[in-house]
């Protein structure tokens, strides 16, 4: 259902974003991941991170990170480990199985993204990007307003 915020442009942006997320999530489920789990694994793709860092990157609460990690760890995709310099911090990293699944998931997500914009010419894609970049800074909460949950 299309949102009804009272602004047709905002409604169109929100609805387009919803459709893109829904399509990406559906493709990722083909390999057993949800879009949020995929985003978490992408956050760990190039380096180990603390649970706090993951929460900050994903903009979700610590409890949400814990729940997501529990599920991925239970499947052998992510592991917890000690921080080398701070014993109070737990670092997260992708396991070899997690790395392999992420490689598959990246291909599925990229295809979903290509499909989402396939109806736009390259020029229209550039225009959309330029326009979206102009909207985003005004819509970003300040650090004092930044939510801890989605």
N, C-alpha and C. Protein backbone atom coordinates (compact mmCIF):
# COMPACT_ATOMS: atom_id res chain seq x y z
N UNK A 1 0.84 -1.18 0.00
CA UNK A 1 0.00 0.00 0.00
C UNK A 1 0.88 1.24 0.00
N UNK A 2 0.55 2.18 -0.84
CA UNK A 2 1.33 3.40 -0.95
C UNK A 2 1.11 4.28 0.28
N UNK A 3 2.20 4.82 0.84
CA UNK A 3 2.05 5.68 2.01
C UNK A 3 1.23 6.93 1.66
N UNK A 4 0.63 7.50 2.66
CA UNK A 4 -0.11 8.74 2.49
C UNK A 4 0.30 9.72 3.57
N UNK A 5 1.40 10.42 3.29
CA UNK A 5 1.94 11.37 4.25
C UNK A 5 1.35 12.76 4.06
N UNK A 6 0.65 12.96 2.96
CA UNK A 6 0.13 14.28 2.64
C UNK A 6 0.99 15.00 1.63
N UNK A 7 2.09 14.37 1.20
CA UNK A 7 2.97 14.95 0.20
C UNK A 7 3.22 13.89 -0.87
N UNK A 8 2.75 14.14 -2.09
CA UNK A 8 2.86 13.15 -3.15
C UNK A 8 4.30 12.77 -3.48
N UNK A 9 5.21 13.73 -3.42
CA UNK A 9 6.62 13.44 -3.73
C UNK A 9 7.21 12.54 -2.65
N UNK A 10 6.97 12.87 -1.39
CA UNK A 10 7.46 12.05 -0.29
C UNK A 10 6.85 10.65 -0.37
N UNK A 11 5.57 10.58 -0.66
CA UNK A 11 4.91 9.27 -0.79
C UNK A 11 5.56 8.43 -1.88
N UNK A 12 5.87 9.06 -3.01
CA UNK A 12 6.49 8.34 -4.12
C UNK A 12 7.88 7.82 -3.74
N UNK A 13 8.64 8.65 -3.05
CA UNK A 13 9.99 8.25 -2.62
C UNK A 13 9.90 7.08 -1.63
N UNK A 14 9.02 7.20 -0.65
CA UNK A 14 8.87 6.14 0.35
C UNK A 14 8.39 4.84 -0.29
N UNK A 15 7.45 4.94 -1.21
CA UNK A 15 6.91 3.75 -1.85
C UNK A 15 7.96 3.08 -2.75
N UNK A 16 8.73 3.89 -3.47
CA UNK A 16 9.80 3.33 -4.30
C UNK A 16 10.84 2.62 -3.43
N UNK A 17 11.22 3.25 -2.32
CA UNK A 17 12.20 2.63 -1.41
C UNK A 17 11.65 1.32 -0.85
N UNK A 18 10.38 1.32 -0.51
CA UNK A 18 9.75 0.09 0.00
C UNK A 18 9.80 -1.02 -1.04
N UNK A 19 9.49 -0.71 -2.28
CA UNK A 19 9.50 -1.73 -3.34
C UNK A 19 10.90 -2.27 -3.58
N UNK A 20 11.90 -1.40 -3.55
CA UNK A 20 13.29 -1.84 -3.74
C UNK A 20 13.71 -2.75 -2.59
N UNK A 21 13.41 -2.35 -1.35
CA UNK A 21 13.75 -3.19 -0.18
C UNK A 21 13.04 -4.54 -0.24
N UNK A 22 11.75 -4.51 -0.58
CA UNK A 22 10.97 -5.74 -0.63
C UNK A 22 11.54 -6.70 -1.68
N UNK A 23 11.88 -6.18 -2.85
CA UNK A 23 12.44 -7.01 -3.92
C UNK A 23 13.80 -7.58 -3.52
N UNK A 24 14.64 -6.76 -2.91
CA UNK A 24 15.96 -7.24 -2.47
C UNK A 24 15.81 -8.30 -1.39
N UNK A 25 14.90 -8.06 -0.45
CA UNK A 25 14.67 -9.03 0.62
C UNK A 25 14.20 -10.37 0.04
N UNK A 26 13.30 -10.31 -0.93
CA UNK A 26 12.79 -11.54 -1.55
C UNK A 26 13.92 -12.30 -2.24
N UNK A 27 14.78 -11.61 -2.94
CA UNK A 27 15.91 -12.28 -3.62
C UNK A 27 16.87 -12.88 -2.59
N UNK A 28 17.15 -12.15 -1.52
CA UNK A 28 18.09 -12.64 -0.51
C UNK A 28 17.54 -13.86 0.22
N UNK A 29 16.26 -13.95 0.36
CA UNK A 29 15.66 -15.11 1.03
C UNK A 29 15.90 -16.39 0.23
N UNK A 30 16.22 -16.26 -1.05
CA UNK A 30 16.56 -17.43 -1.87
C UNK A 30 17.81 -18.13 -1.32
N UNK A 31 18.67 -17.39 -0.65
CA UNK A 31 19.87 -18.01 -0.06
C UNK A 31 19.79 -18.05 1.46
N UNK A 32 18.61 -17.80 2.01
CA UNK A 32 18.40 -17.95 3.44
C UNK A 32 18.70 -16.73 4.28
N UNK A 33 18.83 -15.57 3.66
CA UNK A 33 19.09 -14.34 4.41
C UNK A 33 17.94 -13.36 4.26
N UNK A 34 17.77 -12.52 5.25
CA UNK A 34 16.87 -11.38 5.14
C UNK A 34 17.72 -10.17 4.76
N UNK A 35 17.07 -9.12 4.33
CA UNK A 35 17.81 -7.89 4.01
C UNK A 35 18.58 -7.37 5.24
N UNK A 36 17.98 -7.32 6.43
CA UNK A 36 18.76 -6.86 7.59
C UNK A 36 19.97 -7.75 7.90
N UNK A 37 19.82 -9.06 7.77
CA UNK A 37 20.95 -9.97 8.01
C UNK A 37 22.05 -9.76 6.98
N UNK A 38 21.64 -9.54 5.74
CA UNK A 38 22.59 -9.26 4.67
C UNK A 38 23.36 -7.98 4.97
N UNK A 39 22.66 -6.94 5.39
CA UNK A 39 23.32 -5.68 5.70
C UNK A 39 24.30 -5.85 6.86
N UNK A 40 23.94 -6.66 7.84
CA UNK A 40 24.83 -6.92 8.96
C UNK A 40 26.09 -7.64 8.46
N UNK A 41 25.90 -8.64 7.63
CA UNK A 41 27.05 -9.38 7.11
C UNK A 41 27.93 -8.48 6.23
N UNK A 42 27.32 -7.58 5.48
CA UNK A 42 28.11 -6.63 4.67
C UNK A 42 28.93 -5.72 5.58
N UNK A 43 28.39 -5.37 6.75
CA UNK A 43 29.13 -4.53 7.69
C UNK A 43 30.38 -5.24 8.21
N UNK A 44 30.37 -6.57 8.19
CA UNK A 44 31.51 -7.36 8.67
C UNK A 44 32.41 -7.84 7.53
N UNK A 45 32.06 -7.49 6.33
CA UNK A 45 32.72 -8.03 5.14
C UNK A 45 34.22 -7.77 5.11
N UNK A 46 34.66 -6.58 5.48
CA UNK A 46 36.07 -6.23 5.34
C UNK A 46 36.84 -6.14 6.64
N UNK A 47 36.11 -6.19 7.77
CA UNK A 47 36.81 -6.13 9.05
C UNK A 47 35.90 -6.56 10.18
N UNK A 48 36.52 -7.03 11.23
CA UNK A 48 35.77 -7.34 12.44
C UNK A 48 35.26 -6.04 13.04
N UNK A 49 34.10 -6.12 13.67
CA UNK A 49 33.52 -4.93 14.29
C UNK A 49 32.92 -5.32 15.64
N UNK A 50 32.85 -4.33 16.52
CA UNK A 50 32.18 -4.56 17.78
C UNK A 50 30.68 -4.54 17.55
N UNK A 51 29.94 -5.06 18.51
CA UNK A 51 28.49 -5.05 18.39
C UNK A 51 27.98 -3.61 18.35
N UNK A 52 28.60 -2.73 19.10
CA UNK A 52 28.20 -1.31 19.08
C UNK A 52 28.42 -0.72 17.69
N UNK A 53 29.57 -1.01 17.08
CA UNK A 53 29.83 -0.49 15.73
C UNK A 53 28.79 -1.00 14.74
N UNK A 54 28.44 -2.26 14.83
CA UNK A 54 27.44 -2.82 13.93
C UNK A 54 26.10 -2.12 14.13
N UNK A 55 25.72 -1.91 15.38
CA UNK A 55 24.48 -1.20 15.67
C UNK A 55 24.49 0.20 15.09
N UNK A 56 25.63 0.88 15.21
CA UNK A 56 25.75 2.24 14.66
C UNK A 56 25.66 2.23 13.14
N UNK A 57 26.33 1.29 12.50
CA UNK A 57 26.30 1.20 11.04
C UNK A 57 24.88 0.91 10.55
N UNK A 58 24.21 -0.02 11.20
CA UNK A 58 22.86 -0.41 10.77
C UNK A 58 21.77 0.50 11.34
N UNK A 59 22.15 1.33 12.31
CA UNK A 59 21.19 2.23 12.97
C UNK A 59 20.07 1.45 13.63
N UNK A 60 20.47 0.44 14.40
CA UNK A 60 19.51 -0.37 15.15
C UNK A 60 19.96 -0.45 16.60
N UNK A 61 19.04 -0.85 17.45
CA UNK A 61 19.33 -0.93 18.89
C UNK A 61 20.27 -2.09 19.19
N UNK A 62 20.97 -2.01 20.33
CA UNK A 62 21.85 -3.11 20.73
C UNK A 62 21.09 -4.44 20.83
N UNK A 63 19.87 -4.41 21.32
CA UNK A 63 19.08 -5.64 21.43
C UNK A 63 18.83 -6.27 20.06
N UNK A 64 18.56 -5.43 19.07
CA UNK A 64 18.33 -5.93 17.71
C UNK A 64 19.61 -6.57 17.16
N UNK A 65 20.75 -5.93 17.40
CA UNK A 65 22.03 -6.50 16.96
C UNK A 65 22.23 -7.86 17.61
N UNK A 66 22.00 -7.94 18.91
CA UNK A 66 22.17 -9.20 19.63
C UNK A 66 21.29 -10.29 19.04
N UNK A 67 20.03 -9.99 18.79
CA UNK A 67 19.12 -10.98 18.21
C UNK A 67 19.59 -11.43 16.83
N UNK A 68 20.02 -10.47 16.01
CA UNK A 68 20.49 -10.82 14.67
C UNK A 68 21.75 -11.68 14.74
N UNK A 69 22.68 -11.29 15.60
CA UNK A 69 23.93 -12.06 15.74
C UNK A 69 23.64 -13.46 16.26
N UNK A 70 22.75 -13.57 17.22
CA UNK A 70 22.40 -14.90 17.74
C UNK A 70 21.94 -15.81 16.61
N UNK A 71 21.08 -15.30 15.74
CA UNK A 71 20.58 -16.11 14.64
C UNK A 71 21.67 -16.48 13.65
N UNK A 72 22.51 -15.52 13.28
CA UNK A 72 23.59 -15.79 12.32
C UNK A 72 24.66 -16.68 12.94
N UNK A 73 24.94 -16.50 14.23
CA UNK A 73 25.92 -17.33 14.91
C UNK A 73 25.41 -18.77 15.00
N UNK A 74 24.13 -18.92 15.28
CA UNK A 74 23.53 -20.26 15.35
C UNK A 74 23.63 -21.01 14.04
N UNK A 75 23.69 -20.29 12.96
CA UNK A 75 23.83 -20.91 11.63
C UNK A 75 25.29 -21.05 11.19
N UNK A 76 26.21 -20.60 12.05
CA UNK A 76 27.64 -20.72 11.74
C UNK A 76 28.14 -19.70 10.74
N UNK A 77 27.44 -18.57 10.61
CA UNK A 77 27.81 -17.56 9.63
C UNK A 77 28.62 -16.41 10.22
N UNK A 78 28.42 -16.16 11.49
CA UNK A 78 29.12 -15.10 12.22
C UNK A 78 29.60 -15.69 13.53
N UNK A 79 30.76 -15.22 13.99
CA UNK A 79 31.28 -15.68 15.27
C UNK A 79 31.67 -14.48 16.13
N UNK A 80 31.57 -14.68 17.42
CA UNK A 80 32.00 -13.67 18.38
C UNK A 80 33.42 -14.01 18.83
N UNK A 81 34.19 -12.98 19.10
CA UNK A 81 35.54 -13.20 19.59
C UNK A 81 35.98 -12.05 20.47
N UNK A 82 37.06 -12.24 21.21
CA UNK A 82 37.54 -11.18 22.10
C UNK A 82 38.23 -10.07 21.33
N UNK A 83 38.15 -8.87 21.87
CA UNK A 83 38.89 -7.74 21.33
C UNK A 83 40.32 -7.87 21.83
N UNK A 84 41.32 -7.63 21.00
CA UNK A 84 42.70 -7.84 21.44
C UNK A 84 43.16 -6.88 22.53
N UNK A 85 42.54 -5.70 22.63
CA UNK A 85 43.01 -4.72 23.60
C UNK A 85 41.99 -4.35 24.67
N UNK A 86 40.74 -4.73 24.50
CA UNK A 86 39.70 -4.33 25.45
C UNK A 86 38.82 -5.53 25.74
N UNK A 87 39.01 -6.12 26.92
CA UNK A 87 38.29 -7.35 27.23
C UNK A 87 36.79 -7.14 27.42
N UNK A 88 36.35 -5.89 27.51
CA UNK A 88 34.92 -5.60 27.65
C UNK A 88 34.19 -5.64 26.30
N UNK A 89 34.97 -5.64 25.22
CA UNK A 89 34.39 -5.56 23.88
C UNK A 89 34.42 -6.93 23.21
N UNK A 90 33.30 -7.28 22.59
CA UNK A 90 33.22 -8.50 21.79
C UNK A 90 33.27 -8.11 20.32
N UNK A 91 34.16 -8.74 19.59
CA UNK A 91 34.25 -8.48 18.16
C UNK A 91 33.48 -9.54 17.39
N UNK A 92 32.89 -9.13 16.30
CA UNK A 92 32.14 -10.02 15.42
C UNK A 92 32.91 -10.19 14.13
N UNK A 93 32.90 -11.40 13.61
CA UNK A 93 33.52 -11.61 12.30
C UNK A 93 32.76 -12.69 11.54
N UNK A 94 32.89 -12.61 10.22
CA UNK A 94 32.28 -13.63 9.37
C UNK A 94 33.11 -14.90 9.42
N UNK A 95 32.44 -16.01 9.49
CA UNK A 95 33.11 -17.30 9.40
C UNK A 95 33.34 -17.61 7.92
N UNK A 96 34.12 -18.63 7.61
CA UNK A 96 34.26 -19.02 6.21
C UNK A 96 32.90 -19.34 5.55
N UNK A 97 32.00 -20.00 6.28
CA UNK A 97 30.66 -20.25 5.73
C UNK A 97 29.92 -18.94 5.50
N UNK A 98 30.09 -17.99 6.41
CA UNK A 98 29.46 -16.68 6.26
C UNK A 98 30.01 -15.94 5.04
N UNK A 99 31.31 -16.02 4.84
CA UNK A 99 31.93 -15.38 3.67
C UNK A 99 31.41 -15.99 2.37
N UNK A 100 31.28 -17.30 2.36
CA UNK A 100 30.78 -17.98 1.15
C UNK A 100 29.32 -17.60 0.88
N UNK A 101 28.50 -17.59 1.91
CA UNK A 101 27.10 -17.23 1.72
C UNK A 101 26.98 -15.77 1.31
N UNK A 102 27.79 -14.91 1.89
CA UNK A 102 27.74 -13.50 1.53
C UNK A 102 28.09 -13.30 0.05
N UNK A 103 29.05 -14.04 -0.45
CA UNK A 103 29.40 -13.92 -1.87
C UNK A 103 28.20 -14.24 -2.75
N UNK A 104 27.44 -15.26 -2.40
CA UNK A 104 26.23 -15.60 -3.14
C UNK A 104 25.18 -14.50 -2.98
N UNK A 105 25.01 -14.03 -1.77
CA UNK A 105 24.00 -13.02 -1.47
C UNK A 105 24.29 -11.71 -2.19
N UNK A 106 25.55 -11.34 -2.31
CA UNK A 106 25.91 -10.10 -3.01
C UNK A 106 25.43 -10.16 -4.46
N UNK A 107 25.61 -11.30 -5.10
CA UNK A 107 25.14 -11.45 -6.47
C UNK A 107 23.63 -11.31 -6.58
N UNK A 108 22.91 -11.91 -5.62
CA UNK A 108 21.45 -11.80 -5.63
C UNK A 108 20.99 -10.37 -5.38
N UNK A 109 21.62 -9.70 -4.43
CA UNK A 109 21.25 -8.32 -4.11
C UNK A 109 21.56 -7.40 -5.29
N UNK A 110 22.70 -7.59 -5.91
CA UNK A 110 23.06 -6.76 -7.07
C UNK A 110 22.07 -6.96 -8.21
N UNK A 111 21.61 -8.19 -8.41
CA UNK A 111 20.61 -8.43 -9.46
C UNK A 111 19.30 -7.74 -9.11
N UNK A 112 18.90 -7.80 -7.86
CA UNK A 112 17.66 -7.12 -7.43
C UNK A 112 17.78 -5.62 -7.65
N UNK A 113 18.95 -5.08 -7.38
CA UNK A 113 19.16 -3.64 -7.57
C UNK A 113 19.13 -3.28 -9.05
N UNK A 114 19.77 -4.09 -9.87
CA UNK A 114 19.73 -3.83 -11.33
C UNK A 114 18.30 -3.90 -11.83
N UNK A 115 17.55 -4.91 -11.37
CA UNK A 115 16.16 -5.05 -11.79
C UNK A 115 15.33 -3.83 -11.36
N UNK A 116 15.61 -3.31 -10.18
CA UNK A 116 14.82 -2.19 -9.64
C UNK A 116 14.93 -0.94 -10.50
N UNK A 117 16.07 -0.74 -11.12
CA UNK A 117 16.26 0.47 -11.93
C UNK A 117 16.32 0.17 -13.42
N UNK A 118 16.00 -1.05 -13.81
CA UNK A 118 16.12 -1.43 -15.22
C UNK A 118 15.20 -0.65 -16.15
N UNK A 119 14.11 -0.10 -15.62
CA UNK A 119 13.20 0.68 -16.45
C UNK A 119 13.67 2.11 -16.68
N UNK A 120 14.78 2.48 -16.07
CA UNK A 120 15.32 3.83 -16.23
C UNK A 120 16.51 3.83 -17.17
N UNK A 121 16.57 4.80 -18.04
CA UNK A 121 17.73 4.96 -18.91
C UNK A 121 18.92 5.35 -18.03
N UNK A 122 20.14 5.18 -18.54
CA UNK A 122 21.30 5.64 -17.77
C UNK A 122 21.21 7.12 -17.38
N UNK A 123 20.70 7.94 -18.27
CA UNK A 123 20.55 9.37 -17.96
C UNK A 123 19.53 9.57 -16.84
N UNK A 124 18.41 8.83 -16.90
CA UNK A 124 17.41 8.94 -15.84
C UNK A 124 17.96 8.44 -14.51
N UNK A 125 18.79 7.39 -14.55
CA UNK A 125 19.40 6.90 -13.31
C UNK A 125 20.29 7.97 -12.70
N UNK A 126 21.06 8.66 -13.52
CA UNK A 126 21.91 9.74 -13.01
C UNK A 126 21.08 10.88 -12.44
N UNK A 127 19.99 11.21 -13.12
CA UNK A 127 19.10 12.27 -12.64
C UNK A 127 18.48 11.88 -11.30
N UNK A 128 18.01 10.64 -11.21
CA UNK A 128 17.42 10.16 -9.96
C UNK A 128 18.43 10.23 -8.83
N UNK A 129 19.64 9.80 -9.09
CA UNK A 129 20.70 9.84 -8.07
C UNK A 129 20.96 11.27 -7.63
N UNK A 130 21.07 12.18 -8.59
CA UNK A 130 21.33 13.58 -8.27
C UNK A 130 20.20 14.16 -7.42
N UNK A 131 18.96 13.87 -7.81
CA UNK A 131 17.82 14.38 -7.05
C UNK A 131 17.75 13.75 -5.66
N UNK A 132 17.99 12.46 -5.56
CA UNK A 132 17.97 11.79 -4.26
C UNK A 132 19.04 12.36 -3.34
N UNK A 133 20.21 12.66 -3.90
CA UNK A 133 21.29 13.25 -3.09
C UNK A 133 20.91 14.63 -2.57
N UNK A 134 20.09 15.34 -3.31
CA UNK A 134 19.66 16.66 -2.87
C UNK A 134 18.62 16.56 -1.75
N UNK A 135 17.84 15.49 -1.74
CA UNK A 135 16.81 15.31 -0.72
C UNK A 135 17.42 14.78 0.58
N UNK A 136 18.31 13.84 0.50
CA UNK A 136 18.82 13.13 1.66
C UNK A 136 19.42 14.03 2.74
N UNK A 137 20.27 15.03 2.40
CA UNK A 137 20.85 15.84 3.49
C UNK A 137 19.79 16.54 4.34
N UNK A 138 18.72 17.00 3.73
CA UNK A 138 17.68 17.68 4.49
C UNK A 138 16.89 16.71 5.37
N UNK A 139 16.88 15.44 5.00
CA UNK A 139 16.10 14.45 5.73
C UNK A 139 16.90 13.74 6.82
N UNK A 140 18.22 13.96 6.88
CA UNK A 140 19.06 13.28 7.87
C UNK A 140 18.85 13.90 9.25
N UNK A 141 18.59 13.06 10.26
CA UNK A 141 18.47 13.61 11.61
C UNK A 141 19.84 14.08 12.09
N UNK A 142 19.85 15.07 12.93
CA UNK A 142 21.10 15.49 13.54
C UNK A 142 21.52 14.42 14.53
N UNK A 143 22.75 14.46 14.97
CA UNK A 143 23.23 13.43 15.89
C UNK A 143 22.41 13.40 17.17
N UNK A 144 21.89 14.54 17.60
CA UNK A 144 21.08 14.58 18.81
C UNK A 144 19.70 13.93 18.58
N UNK A 145 19.23 13.93 17.31
CA UNK A 145 17.94 13.35 16.98
C UNK A 145 18.06 11.92 16.50
N UNK A 146 19.27 11.46 16.26
CA UNK A 146 19.49 10.15 15.66
C UNK A 146 18.86 9.05 16.49
N UNK A 147 18.01 8.23 15.84
CA UNK A 147 17.34 7.14 16.57
C UNK A 147 18.29 6.00 16.85
N UNK A 148 17.99 5.24 17.90
CA UNK A 148 18.77 4.06 18.19
C UNK A 148 18.10 2.81 17.67
N UNK A 149 16.89 2.94 17.19
CA UNK A 149 16.16 1.81 16.62
C UNK A 149 15.60 2.25 15.29
N UNK A 150 15.35 1.26 14.37
CA UNK A 150 14.89 1.62 13.04
C UNK A 150 13.55 2.32 13.06
